[in-house]
N, C-alpha and C. Protein backbone atom coordinates (compact mmCIF):
# COMPACT_ATOMS: atom_id res chain seq x y z
N MET A 1 -78.31 96.24 140.20
CA MET A 1 -79.78 96.19 140.18
C MET A 1 -80.32 96.72 138.84
N ILE A 2 -79.77 97.88 138.40
CA ILE A 2 -80.22 98.47 137.13
C ILE A 2 -79.85 97.54 135.99
N ARG A 3 -78.61 96.97 136.05
CA ARG A 3 -78.17 96.04 135.00
C ARG A 3 -79.07 94.81 134.95
N GLY A 4 -79.45 94.29 136.14
CA GLY A 4 -80.31 93.11 136.22
C GLY A 4 -81.68 93.38 135.63
N SER A 5 -82.26 94.55 135.93
CA SER A 5 -83.59 94.87 135.39
C SER A 5 -83.53 95.11 133.89
N LEU A 6 -82.41 95.66 133.42
CA LEU A 6 -82.22 95.87 131.98
C LEU A 6 -82.13 94.53 131.26
N GLU A 7 -81.38 93.58 131.84
CA GLU A 7 -81.25 92.25 131.25
C GLU A 7 -82.59 91.53 131.24
N LEU A 8 -83.36 91.68 132.32
CA LEU A 8 -84.68 91.05 132.39
C LEU A 8 -85.61 91.62 131.32
N LYS A 9 -85.55 92.94 131.12
CA LYS A 9 -86.37 93.58 130.08
C LYS A 9 -85.98 93.07 128.70
N GLU A 10 -84.66 92.94 128.45
CA GLU A 10 -84.19 92.43 127.17
C GLU A 10 -84.64 90.99 126.95
N LEU A 11 -84.62 90.19 128.02
CA LEU A 11 -85.06 88.80 127.92
C LEU A 11 -86.56 88.72 127.61
N LYS A 12 -87.35 89.57 128.27
CA LYS A 12 -88.79 89.60 128.00
C LYS A 12 -89.06 89.99 126.55
N THR A 13 -88.32 90.98 126.06
CA THR A 13 -88.45 91.40 124.66
C THR A 13 -88.12 90.24 123.72
N GLU A 14 -87.06 89.52 124.05
CA GLU A 14 -86.63 88.40 123.21
C GLU A 14 -87.67 87.27 123.22
N VAL A 15 -88.28 87.03 124.37
CA VAL A 15 -89.33 85.99 124.46
C VAL A 15 -90.51 86.37 123.58
N ILE A 16 -90.92 87.63 123.60
CA ILE A 16 -92.03 88.09 122.74
C ILE A 16 -91.65 87.95 121.27
N ARG A 17 -90.44 88.40 120.92
CA ARG A 17 -89.97 88.32 119.52
C ARG A 17 -89.95 86.88 119.03
N LYS A 18 -89.38 85.99 119.83
CA LYS A 18 -89.22 84.61 119.37
C LYS A 18 -90.52 83.83 119.42
N SER A 19 -91.47 84.26 120.24
CA SER A 19 -92.81 83.64 120.21
C SER A 19 -93.45 83.89 118.86
N ILE A 20 -93.28 85.11 118.35
CA ILE A 20 -93.78 85.45 117.01
C ILE A 20 -93.00 84.64 115.97
N HIS A 21 -91.70 84.56 116.19
CA HIS A 21 -90.80 83.82 115.29
C HIS A 21 -91.24 82.36 115.16
N PHE A 22 -91.58 81.74 116.30
CA PHE A 22 -91.97 80.33 116.30
C PHE A 22 -93.24 80.08 115.49
N LEU A 23 -94.09 81.10 115.37
CA LEU A 23 -95.35 80.93 114.63
C LEU A 23 -95.13 80.61 113.16
N ILE A 24 -93.96 80.99 112.62
CA ILE A 24 -93.69 80.71 111.21
C ILE A 24 -93.60 79.21 110.96
N ALA A 25 -93.40 78.44 112.04
CA ALA A 25 -93.34 76.98 111.92
C ALA A 25 -94.67 76.37 111.50
N LEU A 26 -95.73 77.17 111.51
CA LEU A 26 -97.03 76.68 111.02
C LEU A 26 -97.08 76.62 109.49
N SER A 27 -96.17 77.33 108.84
CA SER A 27 -96.18 77.41 107.37
C SER A 27 -96.10 76.05 106.67
N PRO A 28 -95.20 75.14 107.07
CA PRO A 28 -95.16 73.85 106.37
C PRO A 28 -96.46 73.06 106.47
N SER A 29 -97.12 73.11 107.61
CA SER A 29 -98.40 72.40 107.75
C SER A 29 -99.46 73.02 106.84
N MET A 30 -99.46 74.34 106.78
CA MET A 30 -100.40 75.02 105.87
C MET A 30 -100.06 74.70 104.42
N ALA A 31 -98.76 74.67 104.10
CA ALA A 31 -98.34 74.38 102.73
C ALA A 31 -98.68 72.95 102.32
N ALA A 32 -98.70 72.05 103.28
CA ALA A 32 -99.07 70.66 102.97
C ALA A 32 -100.52 70.58 102.51
N ILE A 33 -101.34 71.53 102.97
CA ILE A 33 -102.75 71.59 102.55
C ILE A 33 -102.86 72.31 101.21
N ASN A 34 -102.19 73.49 101.12
CA ASN A 34 -102.23 74.26 99.88
C ASN A 34 -101.03 75.20 99.84
N ARG A 35 -100.00 74.80 99.09
CA ARG A 35 -98.75 75.57 99.04
C ARG A 35 -98.94 76.95 98.42
N PRO A 36 -99.58 77.09 97.24
CA PRO A 36 -99.73 78.43 96.66
C PRO A 36 -100.47 79.41 97.58
N VAL A 37 -101.53 78.94 98.22
CA VAL A 37 -102.28 79.81 99.13
C VAL A 37 -101.42 80.22 100.32
N THR A 38 -100.61 79.29 100.81
CA THR A 38 -99.72 79.61 101.94
C THR A 38 -98.73 80.69 101.56
N VAL A 39 -98.13 80.57 100.37
CA VAL A 39 -97.18 81.59 99.91
C VAL A 39 -97.88 82.94 99.76
N ILE A 40 -99.08 82.93 99.19
CA ILE A 40 -99.84 84.17 99.03
C ILE A 40 -100.14 84.80 100.39
N LEU A 41 -100.55 83.99 101.35
CA LEU A 41 -100.85 84.50 102.69
C LEU A 41 -99.60 85.09 103.35
N LEU A 42 -98.46 84.41 103.19
CA LEU A 42 -97.21 84.94 103.74
C LEU A 42 -96.85 86.28 103.12
N MET A 43 -97.03 86.37 101.80
CA MET A 43 -96.70 87.63 101.11
C MET A 43 -97.67 88.74 101.49
N LEU A 44 -98.96 88.42 101.56
CA LEU A 44 -99.95 89.42 101.97
C LEU A 44 -99.70 89.88 103.41
N GLY A 45 -99.36 88.93 104.28
CA GLY A 45 -99.04 89.28 105.67
C GLY A 45 -97.84 90.20 105.76
N THR A 46 -96.83 89.92 104.93
CA THR A 46 -95.63 90.76 104.91
C THR A 46 -95.96 92.17 104.41
N LEU A 47 -96.75 92.26 103.36
CA LEU A 47 -97.15 93.57 102.83
C LEU A 47 -98.01 94.34 103.83
N LEU A 48 -98.94 93.65 104.47
CA LEU A 48 -99.80 94.29 105.47
C LEU A 48 -98.98 94.80 106.65
N TYR A 49 -98.05 93.97 107.12
CA TYR A 49 -97.18 94.41 108.21
C TYR A 49 -96.37 95.64 107.79
N THR A 50 -95.83 95.63 106.58
CA THR A 50 -95.02 96.76 106.08
C THR A 50 -95.85 98.05 106.10
N TYR A 51 -97.09 97.96 105.63
CA TYR A 51 -97.97 99.13 105.64
C TYR A 51 -98.21 99.62 107.08
N MET A 52 -98.54 98.67 107.97
CA MET A 52 -98.84 99.05 109.35
C MET A 52 -97.62 99.59 110.09
N GLU A 53 -96.45 99.05 109.78
CA GLU A 53 -95.22 99.52 110.43
C GLU A 53 -94.89 100.94 109.95
N ASN A 54 -95.08 101.21 108.68
CA ASN A 54 -94.88 102.58 108.18
C ASN A 54 -95.88 103.54 108.80
N ALA A 55 -97.12 103.09 108.96
CA ALA A 55 -98.14 103.92 109.61
C ALA A 55 -97.77 104.19 111.06
N ARG A 56 -97.26 103.17 111.76
CA ARG A 56 -96.84 103.34 113.16
C ARG A 56 -95.72 104.37 113.26
N LEU A 57 -94.76 104.30 112.34
CA LEU A 57 -93.65 105.25 112.37
C LEU A 57 -94.10 106.67 112.03
N ALA A 58 -95.20 106.77 111.29
CA ALA A 58 -95.75 108.09 110.96
C ALA A 58 -96.62 108.64 112.09
N GLY A 59 -96.74 107.89 113.18
CA GLY A 59 -97.49 108.36 114.34
C GLY A 59 -98.90 107.83 114.47
N MET A 60 -99.32 106.98 113.52
CA MET A 60 -100.65 106.41 113.59
C MET A 60 -100.64 105.22 114.56
N GLU A 61 -101.62 105.16 115.43
CA GLU A 61 -101.72 104.08 116.40
C GLU A 61 -102.56 102.95 115.79
N ILE A 62 -101.94 101.81 115.57
CA ILE A 62 -102.64 100.63 115.03
C ILE A 62 -102.96 99.73 116.21
N PRO A 63 -104.26 99.51 116.51
CA PRO A 63 -104.60 98.67 117.66
C PRO A 63 -103.88 97.32 117.62
N LEU A 64 -103.40 96.89 118.75
CA LEU A 64 -102.69 95.65 118.96
C LEU A 64 -101.32 95.62 118.28
N ILE A 65 -101.27 95.92 116.99
CA ILE A 65 -100.01 95.82 116.24
C ILE A 65 -98.97 96.80 116.76
N SER A 66 -99.36 98.05 116.99
CA SER A 66 -98.39 99.05 117.46
C SER A 66 -97.82 98.66 118.82
N SER A 67 -98.67 98.25 119.74
CA SER A 67 -98.17 97.89 121.07
C SER A 67 -97.32 96.63 121.01
N LEU A 68 -97.72 95.65 120.19
CA LEU A 68 -96.94 94.42 120.06
C LEU A 68 -95.58 94.71 119.43
N THR A 69 -95.56 95.54 118.40
CA THR A 69 -94.29 95.90 117.76
C THR A 69 -93.38 96.63 118.74
N ASN A 70 -93.94 97.55 119.51
CA ASN A 70 -93.13 98.28 120.49
C ASN A 70 -92.56 97.34 121.56
N ARG A 71 -93.38 96.39 122.01
CA ARG A 71 -92.93 95.46 123.05
C ARG A 71 -91.90 94.47 122.52
N ALA A 72 -91.98 94.15 121.23
CA ALA A 72 -91.08 93.17 120.63
C ALA A 72 -89.83 93.81 120.02
N SER A 73 -89.73 95.13 120.08
CA SER A 73 -88.60 95.83 119.45
C SER A 73 -87.37 95.80 120.35
N ARG A 74 -86.24 95.47 119.75
CA ARG A 74 -84.97 95.56 120.46
C ARG A 74 -84.59 97.03 120.56
N SER A 75 -83.64 97.33 121.44
CA SER A 75 -83.24 98.74 121.61
C SER A 75 -82.72 99.34 120.31
N ARG A 76 -82.06 98.52 119.47
CA ARG A 76 -81.54 99.03 118.19
C ARG A 76 -82.66 99.40 117.22
N ASP A 77 -83.89 98.85 117.45
CA ASP A 77 -85.02 99.08 116.56
C ASP A 77 -85.86 100.30 116.95
N ARG A 78 -85.66 100.82 118.15
CA ARG A 78 -86.50 101.92 118.64
C ARG A 78 -86.46 103.10 117.68
N GLY A 79 -87.65 103.53 117.26
CA GLY A 79 -87.76 104.67 116.37
C GLY A 79 -87.45 104.35 114.91
N HIS A 80 -87.21 103.06 114.62
CA HIS A 80 -86.90 102.65 113.26
C HIS A 80 -87.92 101.61 112.79
N PHE A 81 -87.91 101.35 111.50
CA PHE A 81 -88.73 100.30 110.93
C PHE A 81 -88.22 98.96 111.46
N VAL A 82 -89.11 98.16 112.05
CA VAL A 82 -88.73 96.85 112.58
C VAL A 82 -88.78 95.85 111.43
N LEU A 83 -87.61 95.45 110.97
CA LEU A 83 -87.47 94.67 109.74
C LEU A 83 -87.71 93.17 109.92
N GLY A 84 -87.53 92.66 111.12
CA GLY A 84 -87.59 91.22 111.36
C GLY A 84 -88.79 90.50 110.77
N PRO A 85 -90.02 90.97 111.00
CA PRO A 85 -91.18 90.28 110.44
C PRO A 85 -91.20 90.24 108.91
N VAL A 86 -90.62 91.26 108.28
CA VAL A 86 -90.56 91.29 106.81
C VAL A 86 -89.64 90.20 106.30
N THR A 87 -88.42 90.14 106.86
CA THR A 87 -87.46 89.12 106.42
C THR A 87 -87.94 87.72 106.80
N LEU A 88 -88.66 87.61 107.89
CA LEU A 88 -89.22 86.32 108.31
C LEU A 88 -90.23 85.81 107.28
N GLY A 89 -91.15 86.69 106.86
CA GLY A 89 -92.15 86.33 105.86
C GLY A 89 -91.54 86.02 104.51
N ILE A 90 -90.56 86.84 104.10
CA ILE A 90 -89.92 86.61 102.80
C ILE A 90 -89.08 85.33 102.82
N GLY A 91 -88.35 85.11 103.91
CA GLY A 91 -87.53 83.90 104.03
C GLY A 91 -88.35 82.63 103.95
N SER A 92 -89.49 82.63 104.63
CA SER A 92 -90.37 81.46 104.59
C SER A 92 -90.99 81.27 103.21
N SER A 93 -91.39 82.37 102.59
CA SER A 93 -91.95 82.30 101.24
C SER A 93 -90.93 81.75 100.26
N LEU A 94 -89.69 82.22 100.35
CA LEU A 94 -88.64 81.75 99.45
C LEU A 94 -88.38 80.26 99.62
N ALA A 95 -88.41 79.79 100.85
CA ALA A 95 -88.20 78.36 101.09
C ALA A 95 -89.29 77.55 100.38
N LEU A 96 -90.53 78.01 100.47
CA LEU A 96 -91.64 77.29 99.83
C LEU A 96 -91.58 77.39 98.32
N LEU A 97 -91.08 78.52 97.80
CA LEU A 97 -90.99 78.70 96.35
C LEU A 97 -89.79 77.98 95.73
N LEU A 98 -88.69 77.89 96.48
CA LEU A 98 -87.46 77.35 95.92
C LEU A 98 -87.28 75.84 96.09
N TYR A 99 -87.84 75.30 97.15
CA TYR A 99 -87.53 73.91 97.48
C TYR A 99 -88.80 73.06 97.61
N PRO A 100 -88.70 71.80 97.20
CA PRO A 100 -89.82 70.88 97.42
C PRO A 100 -89.81 70.41 98.88
N SER A 101 -90.85 69.71 99.27
CA SER A 101 -90.84 69.09 100.60
C SER A 101 -90.01 67.83 100.52
N PRO A 102 -89.30 67.43 101.56
CA PRO A 102 -89.29 68.05 102.89
C PRO A 102 -88.26 69.16 103.05
N ALA A 103 -87.46 69.47 102.01
CA ALA A 103 -86.41 70.49 102.16
C ALA A 103 -86.99 71.84 102.58
N ALA A 104 -88.13 72.22 102.00
CA ALA A 104 -88.75 73.50 102.36
C ALA A 104 -89.16 73.51 103.83
N SER A 105 -89.74 72.41 104.28
CA SER A 105 -90.16 72.32 105.68
C SER A 105 -88.96 72.41 106.61
N ILE A 106 -87.89 71.66 106.27
CA ILE A 106 -86.68 71.69 107.09
C ILE A 106 -86.11 73.11 107.14
N ALA A 107 -86.09 73.80 106.01
CA ALA A 107 -85.57 75.17 105.94
C ALA A 107 -86.37 76.11 106.86
N ILE A 108 -87.69 75.97 106.83
CA ILE A 108 -88.54 76.84 107.66
C ILE A 108 -88.42 76.48 109.13
N TYR A 109 -88.34 75.20 109.46
CA TYR A 109 -88.16 74.81 110.86
C TYR A 109 -86.80 75.27 111.39
N ALA A 110 -85.77 75.27 110.52
CA ALA A 110 -84.46 75.79 110.92
C ALA A 110 -84.57 77.27 111.28
N LEU A 111 -85.34 78.00 110.48
CA LEU A 111 -85.56 79.42 110.75
C LEU A 111 -86.33 79.62 112.05
N ALA A 112 -87.43 78.90 112.19
CA ALA A 112 -88.29 79.09 113.36
C ALA A 112 -87.61 78.63 114.65
N PHE A 113 -87.13 77.39 114.65
CA PHE A 113 -86.64 76.80 115.90
C PHE A 113 -85.14 77.00 116.11
N GLY A 114 -84.35 76.86 115.04
CA GLY A 114 -82.91 77.04 115.19
C GLY A 114 -82.56 78.44 115.62
N ASP A 115 -83.03 79.41 114.84
CA ASP A 115 -82.77 80.81 115.16
C ASP A 115 -83.45 81.21 116.46
N GLY A 116 -84.68 80.73 116.65
CA GLY A 116 -85.44 81.07 117.85
C GLY A 116 -84.78 80.60 119.13
N PHE A 117 -84.43 79.31 119.19
CA PHE A 117 -83.82 78.78 120.41
C PHE A 117 -82.39 79.30 120.61
N ALA A 118 -81.67 79.54 119.51
CA ALA A 118 -80.32 80.10 119.64
C ALA A 118 -80.38 81.44 120.36
N SER A 119 -81.33 82.26 119.97
CA SER A 119 -81.45 83.58 120.57
C SER A 119 -81.88 83.51 122.03
N LEU A 120 -82.90 82.70 122.32
CA LEU A 120 -83.40 82.60 123.70
C LEU A 120 -82.35 82.00 124.64
N VAL A 121 -81.75 80.89 124.22
CA VAL A 121 -80.75 80.24 125.07
C VAL A 121 -79.52 81.13 125.20
N GLY A 122 -79.14 81.78 124.09
CA GLY A 122 -77.99 82.70 124.14
C GLY A 122 -78.21 83.84 125.12
N LYS A 123 -79.40 84.41 125.11
CA LYS A 123 -79.71 85.53 126.03
C LYS A 123 -79.78 85.05 127.48
N LEU A 124 -80.37 83.87 127.69
CA LEU A 124 -80.60 83.38 129.04
C LEU A 124 -79.36 82.73 129.65
N LEU A 125 -78.66 81.91 128.87
CA LEU A 125 -77.57 81.11 129.42
C LEU A 125 -76.21 81.39 128.79
N GLY A 126 -76.18 82.19 127.74
CA GLY A 126 -74.94 82.38 126.98
C GLY A 126 -73.83 83.03 127.78
N ARG A 127 -72.76 82.29 128.01
CA ARG A 127 -71.59 82.81 128.72
C ARG A 127 -70.32 82.63 127.91
N ILE A 128 -70.22 81.51 127.19
CA ILE A 128 -68.99 81.18 126.46
C ILE A 128 -69.12 81.75 125.05
N ARG A 129 -68.23 82.69 124.71
CA ARG A 129 -68.29 83.36 123.41
C ARG A 129 -66.94 83.28 122.70
N PRO A 130 -66.65 82.12 122.10
CA PRO A 130 -65.36 82.00 121.40
C PRO A 130 -65.33 82.89 120.16
N ALA A 131 -64.13 83.29 119.76
CA ALA A 131 -63.96 84.22 118.64
C ALA A 131 -64.58 83.69 117.35
N PHE A 132 -64.51 82.36 117.13
CA PHE A 132 -65.02 81.82 115.86
C PHE A 132 -66.53 81.92 115.74
N LEU A 133 -67.24 82.23 116.83
CA LEU A 133 -68.69 82.41 116.77
C LEU A 133 -69.08 83.87 116.58
N LEU A 134 -68.09 84.74 116.37
CA LEU A 134 -68.33 86.14 116.01
C LEU A 134 -69.29 86.86 116.96
N GLY A 135 -69.10 86.65 118.26
CA GLY A 135 -69.92 87.32 119.26
C GLY A 135 -71.10 86.53 119.75
N LYS A 136 -71.45 85.48 119.05
CA LYS A 136 -72.56 84.62 119.51
C LYS A 136 -72.04 83.67 120.59
N SER A 137 -72.95 83.09 121.37
CA SER A 137 -72.54 82.21 122.45
C SER A 137 -72.53 80.75 122.01
N LEU A 138 -71.66 79.98 122.63
CA LEU A 138 -71.59 78.54 122.36
C LEU A 138 -72.90 77.87 122.77
N GLU A 139 -73.49 78.35 123.87
CA GLU A 139 -74.75 77.77 124.34
C GLU A 139 -75.88 78.00 123.33
N GLY A 140 -75.95 79.21 122.77
CA GLY A 140 -76.97 79.52 121.77
C GLY A 140 -76.76 78.73 120.49
N SER A 141 -75.52 78.62 120.05
CA SER A 141 -75.22 77.86 118.83
C SER A 141 -75.52 76.38 119.02
N THR A 142 -75.24 75.86 120.21
CA THR A 142 -75.57 74.47 120.49
C THR A 142 -77.08 74.25 120.46
N ALA A 143 -77.82 75.20 121.03
CA ALA A 143 -79.29 75.12 121.00
C ALA A 143 -79.80 75.12 119.57
N CYS A 144 -79.21 75.96 118.72
CA CYS A 144 -79.58 76.01 117.31
C CYS A 144 -79.35 74.65 116.66
N PHE A 145 -78.16 74.09 116.86
CA PHE A 145 -77.82 72.80 116.26
C PHE A 145 -78.80 71.72 116.69
N VAL A 146 -79.05 71.62 117.99
CA VAL A 146 -79.93 70.57 118.52
C VAL A 146 -81.36 70.73 118.00
N ALA A 147 -81.86 71.97 118.01
CA ALA A 147 -83.24 72.21 117.55
C ALA A 147 -83.41 71.87 116.09
N VAL A 148 -82.45 72.27 115.25
CA VAL A 148 -82.55 72.00 113.81
C VAL A 148 -82.36 70.52 113.54
N PHE A 149 -81.41 69.89 114.22
CA PHE A 149 -81.20 68.45 114.03
C PHE A 149 -82.48 67.69 114.32
N PHE A 150 -83.11 68.00 115.46
CA PHE A 150 -84.33 67.31 115.85
C PHE A 150 -85.46 67.56 114.84
N ALA A 151 -85.66 68.81 114.45
CA ALA A 151 -86.73 69.15 113.50
C ALA A 151 -86.48 68.49 112.15
N ALA A 152 -85.23 68.54 111.67
CA ALA A 152 -84.91 67.96 110.37
C ALA A 152 -85.07 66.44 110.38
N TYR A 153 -84.70 65.83 111.49
CA TYR A 153 -84.87 64.37 111.58
C TYR A 153 -86.36 64.00 111.58
N GLN A 154 -87.17 64.81 112.26
CA GLN A 154 -88.61 64.54 112.29
C GLN A 154 -89.24 64.68 110.90
N CYS A 155 -88.65 65.51 110.05
CA CYS A 155 -89.15 65.68 108.68
C CYS A 155 -88.65 64.58 107.74
N SER A 156 -87.42 64.14 107.95
CA SER A 156 -86.77 63.27 106.96
C SER A 156 -86.52 61.84 107.44
N TYR A 157 -86.46 61.65 108.75
CA TYR A 157 -86.08 60.37 109.34
C TYR A 157 -84.74 59.90 108.77
N ASN A 158 -83.84 60.85 108.54
CA ASN A 158 -82.53 60.57 107.97
C ASN A 158 -81.49 61.36 108.77
N TYR A 159 -80.55 60.63 109.39
CA TYR A 159 -79.55 61.30 110.23
C TYR A 159 -78.63 62.21 109.43
N LYS A 160 -78.29 61.82 108.20
CA LYS A 160 -77.41 62.66 107.38
C LYS A 160 -78.10 63.97 107.02
N THR A 161 -79.38 63.90 106.65
CA THR A 161 -80.14 65.11 106.35
C THR A 161 -80.18 66.02 107.57
N ALA A 162 -80.46 65.43 108.72
CA ALA A 162 -80.54 66.21 109.96
C ALA A 162 -79.20 66.87 110.28
N LEU A 163 -78.10 66.14 110.05
CA LEU A 163 -76.78 66.68 110.34
C LEU A 163 -76.42 67.83 109.39
N VAL A 164 -76.68 67.66 108.09
CA VAL A 164 -76.41 68.71 107.11
C VAL A 164 -77.23 69.96 107.43
N ALA A 165 -78.51 69.77 107.73
CA ALA A 165 -79.38 70.90 108.06
C ALA A 165 -78.90 71.62 109.32
N ALA A 166 -78.58 70.85 110.36
CA ALA A 166 -78.16 71.45 111.63
C ALA A 166 -76.84 72.19 111.50
N LEU A 167 -75.88 71.61 110.78
CA LEU A 167 -74.58 72.27 110.60
C LEU A 167 -74.73 73.57 109.80
N SER A 168 -75.47 73.51 108.70
CA SER A 168 -75.62 74.71 107.87
C SER A 168 -76.37 75.81 108.60
N ALA A 169 -77.42 75.45 109.34
CA ALA A 169 -78.16 76.46 110.10
C ALA A 169 -77.30 77.08 111.19
N THR A 170 -76.51 76.27 111.88
CA THR A 170 -75.67 76.77 112.98
C THR A 170 -74.60 77.72 112.47
N VAL A 171 -74.00 77.39 111.32
CA VAL A 171 -72.97 78.26 110.74
C VAL A 171 -73.58 79.61 110.35
N VAL A 172 -74.72 79.58 109.67
CA VAL A 172 -75.34 80.84 109.21
C VAL A 172 -75.85 81.65 110.40
N GLU A 173 -76.43 80.99 111.39
CA GLU A 173 -76.96 81.69 112.56
C GLU A 173 -75.86 82.42 113.32
N ALA A 174 -74.63 81.89 113.26
CA ALA A 174 -73.51 82.50 113.98
C ALA A 174 -73.00 83.77 113.30
N LEU A 175 -73.34 83.96 112.03
CA LEU A 175 -72.87 85.14 111.31
C LEU A 175 -73.59 86.41 111.80
N PRO A 176 -72.92 87.54 111.79
CA PRO A 176 -73.54 88.79 112.26
C PRO A 176 -74.44 89.42 111.19
N LEU A 177 -75.58 88.79 110.94
CA LEU A 177 -76.48 89.23 109.87
C LEU A 177 -77.68 90.02 110.35
N ASP A 178 -77.83 90.17 111.67
CA ASP A 178 -79.01 90.84 112.25
C ASP A 178 -80.29 90.19 111.72
N ASP A 179 -81.23 90.99 111.24
CA ASP A 179 -82.51 90.44 110.78
C ASP A 179 -82.41 89.70 109.45
N TYR A 180 -81.29 89.85 108.75
CA TYR A 180 -81.14 89.19 107.46
C TYR A 180 -80.86 87.70 107.59
N ASP A 181 -80.63 87.23 108.82
CA ASP A 181 -80.49 85.78 109.00
C ASP A 181 -81.83 85.08 108.71
N ASN A 182 -82.94 85.84 108.80
CA ASN A 182 -84.24 85.27 108.46
C ASN A 182 -84.34 84.91 106.98
N LEU A 183 -83.52 85.52 106.16
CA LEU A 183 -83.43 85.16 104.74
C LEU A 183 -82.35 84.11 104.52
N ALA A 184 -81.20 84.31 105.15
CA ALA A 184 -80.05 83.45 104.90
C ALA A 184 -80.25 82.03 105.42
N ILE A 185 -80.87 81.88 106.59
CA ILE A 185 -81.02 80.53 107.16
C ILE A 185 -81.88 79.63 106.28
N PRO A 186 -83.12 80.02 105.93
CA PRO A 186 -83.92 79.07 105.13
C PRO A 186 -83.35 78.82 103.74
N ILE A 187 -82.78 79.85 103.12
CA ILE A 187 -82.21 79.66 101.79
C ILE A 187 -81.01 78.71 101.85
N THR A 188 -80.13 78.92 102.82
CA THR A 188 -78.92 78.10 102.95
C THR A 188 -79.25 76.67 103.35
N VAL A 189 -80.12 76.50 104.33
CA VAL A 189 -80.46 75.15 104.80
C VAL A 189 -81.17 74.37 103.71
N GLY A 190 -82.12 74.98 103.05
CA GLY A 190 -82.83 74.30 101.96
C GLY A 190 -81.87 73.90 100.85
N LEU A 191 -80.96 74.81 100.49
CA LEU A 191 -79.98 74.53 99.44
C LEU A 191 -79.03 73.41 99.86
N ALA A 192 -78.57 73.45 101.11
CA ALA A 192 -77.64 72.43 101.60
C ALA A 192 -78.29 71.05 101.58
N VAL A 193 -79.53 70.98 102.02
CA VAL A 193 -80.24 69.70 102.04
C VAL A 193 -80.47 69.20 100.61
N GLN A 194 -80.87 70.09 99.73
CA GLN A 194 -81.09 69.71 98.33
C GLN A 194 -79.78 69.31 97.64
N PHE A 195 -78.73 70.10 97.86
CA PHE A 195 -77.44 69.85 97.21
C PHE A 195 -76.87 68.50 97.66
N ALA A 196 -77.07 68.20 98.91
CA ALA A 196 -76.58 66.92 99.44
C ALA A 196 -77.43 65.75 98.96
N GLY A 197 -78.53 66.08 98.25
CA GLY A 197 -79.41 65.04 97.73
C GLY A 197 -80.16 64.30 98.81
N LEU A 198 -80.40 65.01 99.92
CA LEU A 198 -81.01 64.35 101.07
C LEU A 198 -82.43 64.81 101.33
N GLY A 199 -82.87 65.88 100.64
CA GLY A 199 -84.20 66.42 100.92
C GLY A 199 -85.21 65.81 100.02
């Protein structure tokens, strides 16, 4: 019973975290209107969050932000600076700065949906954990692959581009990078798509 309630609490936390994670998928649409402004907004948002998170750790109560951060924090983050939103903002900004469209869009969608669905499906359904996935579940990795393939195909209408993006995202997502996968996924996927000459 205690284990079940603990797992349910962890799942609720993950749903809150990944709901925030999915919001980064708005960046490509914003960038299509004005890329420099989108990058500036991402950077300002990251800096503002950093300030508010430091204030929260110093004991200052920030309306809405403090309670949301507490609810979205994993057990490993309790009492520590929650790094995920920072790496999420920087990773998306780097994709927009380093890659043209559609590679930048594919990189950000891989971050938002690939990483997001991998985590949710892994927590909810993950049972098969082969050694080559370094502790991640086969179900979560499959969800990552499918989500990125679909998103990349919708951006490029090219099966090879979608396959390269999905494979690179799935490999990076399986690595034990914690919050740094928010940097590694968009950089790697964007680079893979560009290097393959498909973006």
